[in-house]
């Protein structure tokens, strides 16, 4: 079965060749690479074109519109019935495609697969199994999202979904999973490291972390709208998360807070003397810590 490796790229002249090379090195051979250049202003396009002597590698150039727009463009023109997305600063492990594609060959209802990854620091990331009793769609709407980095999906189900909303600039991965999950197709987690994730200062997720988080929340609101059951699920999960956080905070206070205050009490008394505004603040903090102990 053929798979298209989609690489949206914007100004990644330092890394894009390594990304392409990691696909060429696969031990699975029924693939093509589709690079969608999102209006790069550096040497990215020149580097990609130099690799196009291999006719399995192709390039689409577009005006700068953001990762979601580039991803939508790539899916539209993808040759394969199955796609996987590779960030232009990351790499696939040599057996990434051969580890996943047999699952699509066996199950025509399989629409979305995610795997595990390793970071360039050596740390391992885990694309967790779904929470018990939840579909992929329900899990993401309720706040779960640990299916990041390498994800495979069947184009057939994407076309059924209505496609990406390109007005939402970030969080393409979350939106894509929501769209495909909503179709009711089968989903699968394969607990194998197939993806190498590069940690560097200029990652989109680092430079635009606030916008990515906001867009993720916007997507969850959008996809649960009109459904009382999904809205209730979202609220319940938020309440559970809040209660868990409060419990963790109480445990931290018990372990460290009051003991710390007692250990360094004399220093704190000098810094925050009684009878001053700062002293009143200290008293309030002490009372809170005692109450939680």
Protein backbone atom coordinates (compact mmCIF):
# COMPACT_ATOMS: atom_id res chain seq x y z
CA UNK A 1 0.00 0.00 0.00
CA UNK A 2 1.27 3.43 -0.98
CA UNK A 3 1.92 6.13 1.63
CA UNK A 4 2.58 9.82 1.07
CA UNK A 5 4.97 11.45 3.53
CA UNK A 6 3.79 15.04 3.80
CA UNK A 7 6.40 17.65 4.81
CA UNK A 8 5.04 21.20 5.28
CA UNK A 9 8.03 23.54 5.49
CA UNK A 10 8.81 27.17 6.16
CA UNK A 11 12.41 28.43 6.35
CA UNK A 12 14.05 25.18 7.39
CA UNK A 13 17.14 25.20 5.18
CA UNK A 14 19.19 23.71 8.03
CA UNK A 15 16.97 20.67 8.55
CA UNK A 16 14.74 19.84 5.58
CA UNK A 17 17.32 17.72 3.76
CA UNK A 18 17.72 15.48 6.81
CA UNK A 19 13.94 15.08 6.97
CA UNK A 20 13.81 13.97 3.33
CA UNK A 21 16.83 11.68 3.75
CA UNK A 22 15.09 9.91 6.63
CA UNK A 23 12.29 8.91 4.25
CA UNK A 24 14.68 7.79 1.51
CA UNK A 25 16.36 5.53 4.10
CA UNK A 26 13.11 3.67 4.93
CA UNK A 27 13.04 -0.12 4.72
CA UNK A 28 9.51 0.22 3.28
CA UNK A 29 9.62 1.26 -0.36
CA UNK A 30 6.07 2.10 -1.48
CA UNK A 31 6.13 5.82 -0.68
CA UNK A 32 6.44 9.31 -2.08
CA UNK A 33 7.45 12.56 -0.39
CA UNK A 34 5.37 15.69 -0.92
CA UNK A 35 7.02 18.86 0.35
CA UNK A 36 4.72 21.89 0.63
CA UNK A 37 6.77 25.06 0.88
CA UNK A 38 4.88 27.74 2.78
CA UNK A 39 6.58 30.74 1.13
CA UNK A 40 10.10 30.20 2.48
CA UNK A 41 12.54 33.09 2.10
CA UNK A 42 15.75 31.13 2.70
CA UNK A 43 17.34 28.29 0.68
CA UNK A 44 14.68 25.72 1.56
CA UNK A 45 13.21 25.47 -1.96
CA UNK A 46 16.66 25.23 -3.55
CA UNK A 47 17.58 22.36 -1.25
CA UNK A 48 14.33 20.48 -1.89
CA UNK A 49 14.69 20.87 -5.67
CA UNK A 50 18.21 19.43 -5.48
CA UNK A 51 16.67 16.21 -4.11
CA UNK A 52 14.03 15.94 -6.82
CA UNK A 53 16.32 13.88 -9.06
CA UNK A 54 14.50 11.13 -7.17
CA UNK A 55 11.09 11.20 -8.87
CA UNK A 56 9.43 10.03 -5.64
CA UNK A 57 10.05 13.51 -4.22
CA UNK A 58 7.84 16.41 -5.32
CA UNK A 59 7.32 20.03 -4.30
CA UNK A 60 4.39 22.43 -4.10
CA UNK A 61 5.10 26.11 -3.54
CA UNK A 62 2.52 28.46 -2.08
CA UNK A 63 2.21 31.93 -0.64
CA UNK A 64 2.90 32.01 3.10
CA UNK A 65 -0.28 31.03 4.88
CA UNK A 66 0.77 28.95 7.86
CA UNK A 67 1.17 25.27 8.70
CA UNK A 68 -2.54 24.41 8.61
CA UNK A 69 -2.97 25.86 5.13
CA UNK A 70 0.17 24.06 3.90
CA UNK A 71 -1.06 20.80 5.42
CA UNK A 72 -4.48 21.15 3.76
CA UNK A 73 -2.81 21.84 0.42
CA UNK A 74 -0.59 18.79 0.81
CA UNK A 75 -3.44 16.44 1.69
CA UNK A 76 -5.41 17.65 -1.34
CA UNK A 77 -2.55 16.75 -3.70
CA UNK A 78 -1.29 13.61 -1.92
CA UNK A 79 -1.03 10.50 -4.10
CA UNK A 80 -1.27 7.91 -1.35
CA UNK A 81 -4.44 6.52 0.20
CA UNK A 82 -2.52 6.79 3.48
CA UNK A 83 -0.54 9.83 4.63
CA UNK A 84 1.89 10.51 7.42
CA UNK A 85 3.03 13.97 8.44
CA UNK A 86 6.71 14.73 9.05
CA UNK A 87 7.76 18.09 10.45
CA UNK A 88 10.56 19.58 8.38
CA UNK A 89 12.96 19.74 11.34
CA UNK A 90 12.39 16.12 12.44
CA UNK A 91 13.19 12.66 11.07
CA UNK A 92 11.57 9.24 10.69
CA UNK A 93 13.20 6.19 12.22
CA UNK A 94 14.34 3.73 9.48
CA UNK A 95 11.47 1.28 10.12
CA UNK A 96 8.74 3.89 10.69
CA UNK A 97 6.67 3.05 7.61
CA UNK A 98 7.11 -0.71 7.78
CA UNK A 99 5.98 -0.66 11.42
CA UNK A 100 2.63 0.94 10.63
CA UNK A 101 1.55 0.32 7.05
CA UNK A 102 0.68 -3.39 7.54
CA UNK A 103 -2.03 -2.31 9.99
CA UNK A 104 -3.69 -0.23 7.25
CA UNK A 105 -3.39 -3.12 4.79
CA UNK A 106 -5.19 -5.46 7.19
CA UNK A 107 -8.02 -3.13 8.22
CA UNK A 108 -9.79 -0.93 5.63
CA UNK A 109 -11.70 0.79 8.46
CA UNK A 110 -8.47 1.94 10.12
CA UNK A 111 -8.36 5.71 9.74
CA UNK A 112 -5.86 7.04 12.27
CA UNK A 113 -2.69 5.62 13.86
CA UNK A 114 -0.19 7.18 16.24
CA UNK A 115 3.12 5.90 17.58
CA UNK A 116 5.85 6.77 20.08
CA UNK A 117 8.83 9.05 19.54
CA UNK A 118 12.26 9.92 20.85
CA UNK A 119 13.58 13.43 21.34
CA UNK A 120 16.95 14.65 20.10
CA UNK A 121 17.95 14.96 23.78
CA UNK A 122 17.53 11.20 24.17
CA UNK A 123 14.32 11.48 26.18
CA UNK A 124 11.48 9.20 25.11
CA UNK A 125 8.02 10.46 24.40
CA UNK A 126 5.02 8.20 24.68
CA UNK A 127 1.91 8.48 22.51
CA UNK A 128 -0.41 7.06 25.12
CA UNK A 129 -3.33 4.70 24.67
CA UNK A 130 -6.77 6.27 24.74
CA UNK A 131 -8.39 6.78 28.15
CA UNK A 132 -10.66 3.88 29.06
CA UNK A 133 -14.09 3.95 27.48
CA UNK A 134 -13.43 6.91 25.16
CA UNK A 135 -13.14 7.17 21.41
CA UNK A 136 -10.33 9.26 19.91
CA UNK A 137 -12.80 12.08 19.26
CA UNK A 138 -14.26 12.03 22.80
CA UNK A 139 -10.81 11.86 24.36
CA UNK A 140 -9.51 14.93 22.53
CA UNK A 141 -12.67 16.96 23.15
CA UNK A 142 -12.38 16.19 26.87
CA UNK A 143 -8.81 17.47 26.97
CA UNK A 144 -6.62 14.42 26.25
CA UNK A 145 -3.89 14.82 23.66
CA UNK A 146 -0.91 12.53 23.69
CA UNK A 147 -1.05 11.34 20.08
CA UNK A 148 1.48 13.91 18.91
CA UNK A 149 4.38 13.67 16.45
CA UNK A 150 4.08 10.79 14.02
CA UNK A 151 0.52 10.16 13.01
CA UNK A 152 -0.81 8.25 10.00
CA UNK A 153 -4.27 8.70 8.52
CA UNK A 154 -6.33 7.41 5.63
CA UNK A 155 -7.23 10.12 3.10
CA UNK A 156 -10.67 8.59 2.53
CA UNK A 157 -11.76 9.51 6.06
CA UNK A 158 -10.23 12.96 5.84
CA UNK A 159 -12.31 13.67 2.74
CA UNK A 160 -15.43 12.59 4.63
CA UNK A 161 -14.65 15.02 7.43
CA UNK A 162 -15.04 18.30 5.55
CA UNK A 163 -11.35 19.19 5.76
CA UNK A 164 -9.16 21.48 7.81
CA UNK A 165 -10.35 24.92 8.88
CA UNK A 166 -7.46 27.05 7.62
CA UNK A 167 -8.63 30.09 9.60
CA UNK A 168 -7.22 28.32 12.68
CA UNK A 169 -3.52 28.90 12.20
CA UNK A 170 -1.95 26.45 14.66
CA UNK A 171 -2.63 23.02 16.21
CA UNK A 172 -3.02 21.25 12.86
CA UNK A 173 -2.36 17.91 14.58
CA UNK A 174 -5.23 18.34 17.05
CA UNK A 175 -7.64 19.48 14.35
CA UNK A 176 -6.72 16.63 12.03
CA UNK A 177 -7.27 14.03 14.75
CA UNK A 178 -10.62 15.58 15.69
CA UNK A 179 -11.77 15.61 12.06
CA UNK A 180 -10.85 12.00 11.38
CA UNK A 181 -11.93 10.77 14.80
CA UNK A 182 -15.38 12.29 14.28
CA UNK A 183 -15.96 10.06 11.23
CA UNK A 184 -16.14 7.02 13.50
CA UNK A 185 -13.30 5.16 11.81
CA UNK A 186 -11.09 2.70 13.67
CA UNK A 187 -8.04 4.14 15.44
CA UNK A 188 -4.90 2.48 16.75
CA UNK A 189 -1.89 3.22 18.93
CA UNK A 190 1.26 1.30 17.97
CA UNK A 191 3.69 1.46 20.93
CA UNK A 192 6.86 1.67 18.86
CA UNK A 193 9.32 4.53 18.43
CA UNK A 194 9.03 5.63 14.80
CA UNK A 195 9.83 9.33 15.03
CA UNK A 196 12.84 11.48 15.97
CA UNK A 197 11.78 14.85 17.37
CA UNK A 198 14.32 17.67 17.22
CA UNK A 199 14.47 20.03 20.20
CA UNK A 200 15.69 23.51 19.22
CA UNK A 201 14.89 27.14 20.10
CA UNK A 202 12.97 27.93 16.91
CA UNK A 203 10.32 25.23 17.01
CA UNK A 204 6.83 26.50 16.21
CA UNK A 205 5.55 24.91 19.42
CA UNK A 206 8.10 26.96 21.39
CA UNK A 207 7.93 30.26 19.55
CA UNK A 208 4.12 30.25 19.39
CA UNK A 209 3.26 28.15 22.44
CA UNK A 210 0.52 30.51 23.65
CA UNK A 211 -1.17 30.59 20.24
CA UNK A 212 -0.93 26.79 19.90
CA UNK A 213 -2.61 26.32 23.29
CA UNK A 214 -5.32 28.87 22.47
CA UNK A 215 -6.01 27.22 19.12
CA UNK A 216 -6.25 23.79 20.77
CA UNK A 217 -8.86 25.13 23.17
CA UNK A 218 -10.71 26.83 20.33
CA UNK A 219 -10.86 23.55 18.42
CA UNK A 220 -12.26 21.66 21.39
CA UNK A 221 -14.95 24.29 21.86
CA UNK A 222 -15.77 24.21 18.16
CA UNK A 223 -16.10 20.43 17.94
CA UNK A 224 -18.18 20.05 21.11
CA UNK A 225 -20.59 22.87 20.23
CA UNK A 226 -24.16 21.74 19.64
CA UNK A 227 -23.74 18.56 21.67
CA UNK A 228 -24.85 18.62 25.30
CA UNK A 229 -23.19 15.25 25.91
CA UNK A 230 -19.80 16.45 24.64
CA UNK A 231 -20.09 19.71 26.56
CA UNK A 232 -20.80 17.75 29.74
CA UNK A 233 -17.87 15.45 29.01
CA UNK A 234 -15.57 18.46 28.61
CA UNK A 235 -16.77 20.09 31.83
CA UNK A 236 -16.44 16.82 33.76
CA UNK A 237 -12.87 16.35 32.58
CA UNK A 238 -12.00 19.94 33.53
CA UNK A 239 -13.40 19.36 37.00
CA UNK A 240 -11.42 16.14 37.35
CA UNK A 241 -8.26 17.93 36.24
CA UNK A 242 -8.92 20.75 38.72
CA UNK A 243 -9.48 18.29 41.58
CA UNK A 244 -6.31 16.38 40.72
CA UNK A 245 -4.32 19.63 40.66
CA UNK A 246 -5.70 20.66 44.04
CA UNK A 247 -4.78 17.29 45.49
CA UNK A 248 -1.24 17.55 44.13
CA UNK A 249 -0.93 21.06 45.54
CA UNK A 250 -2.01 19.89 48.98
CA UNK A 251 0.56 17.10 48.88
CA UNK A 252 3.30 19.54 47.88
CA UNK A 253 2.36 21.86 50.73
CA UNK A 254 2.42 18.98 53.21
CA UNK A 255 5.83 17.81 52.04
CA UNK A 256 7.61 21.12 51.59
CA UNK A 257 5.60 24.21 52.37
CA UNK A 258 5.20 24.34 56.14
CA UNK A 259 8.49 22.54 56.77
CA UNK A 260 10.27 25.13 54.62
CA UNK A 261 8.62 27.97 56.53
CA UNK A 262 9.67 26.46 59.86
CA UNK A 263 13.24 25.79 58.70
CA UNK A 264 13.78 29.31 57.44
CA UNK A 265 11.44 30.99 59.88
CA UNK A 266 13.98 33.42 61.36
CA UNK A 267 15.05 34.65 57.93
CA UNK A 268 11.44 35.07 56.87
CA UNK A 269 10.61 36.96 60.09
CA UNK A 270 13.40 39.45 59.38
CA UNK A 271 12.34 39.87 55.76
CA UNK A 272 8.63 40.08 56.50
CA UNK A 273 8.40 41.71 59.97
CA UNK A 274 5.15 41.67 61.94
CA UNK A 275 3.15 44.88 61.93
CA UNK A 276 3.85 45.60 58.26
CA UNK A 277 1.91 44.85 55.09
CA UNK A 278 4.48 42.26 54.18
CA UNK A 279 4.13 40.76 57.63
CA UNK A 280 0.38 40.42 57.18
CA UNK A 281 1.01 38.64 53.90
CA UNK A 282 3.39 36.25 55.66
CA UNK A 283 0.77 35.52 58.31
CA UNK A 284 -1.83 34.69 55.66
CA UNK A 285 0.59 32.32 53.92
CA UNK A 286 1.43 30.60 57.20
CA UNK A 287 -2.23 30.15 58.03
CA UNK A 288 -2.90 28.62 54.62
CA UNK A 289 0.01 26.25 54.98
CA UNK A 290 -1.09 25.18 58.46
CA UNK A 291 -4.63 24.57 57.20
CA UNK A 292 -3.37 22.33 54.42
CA UNK A 293 -1.00 20.35 56.64
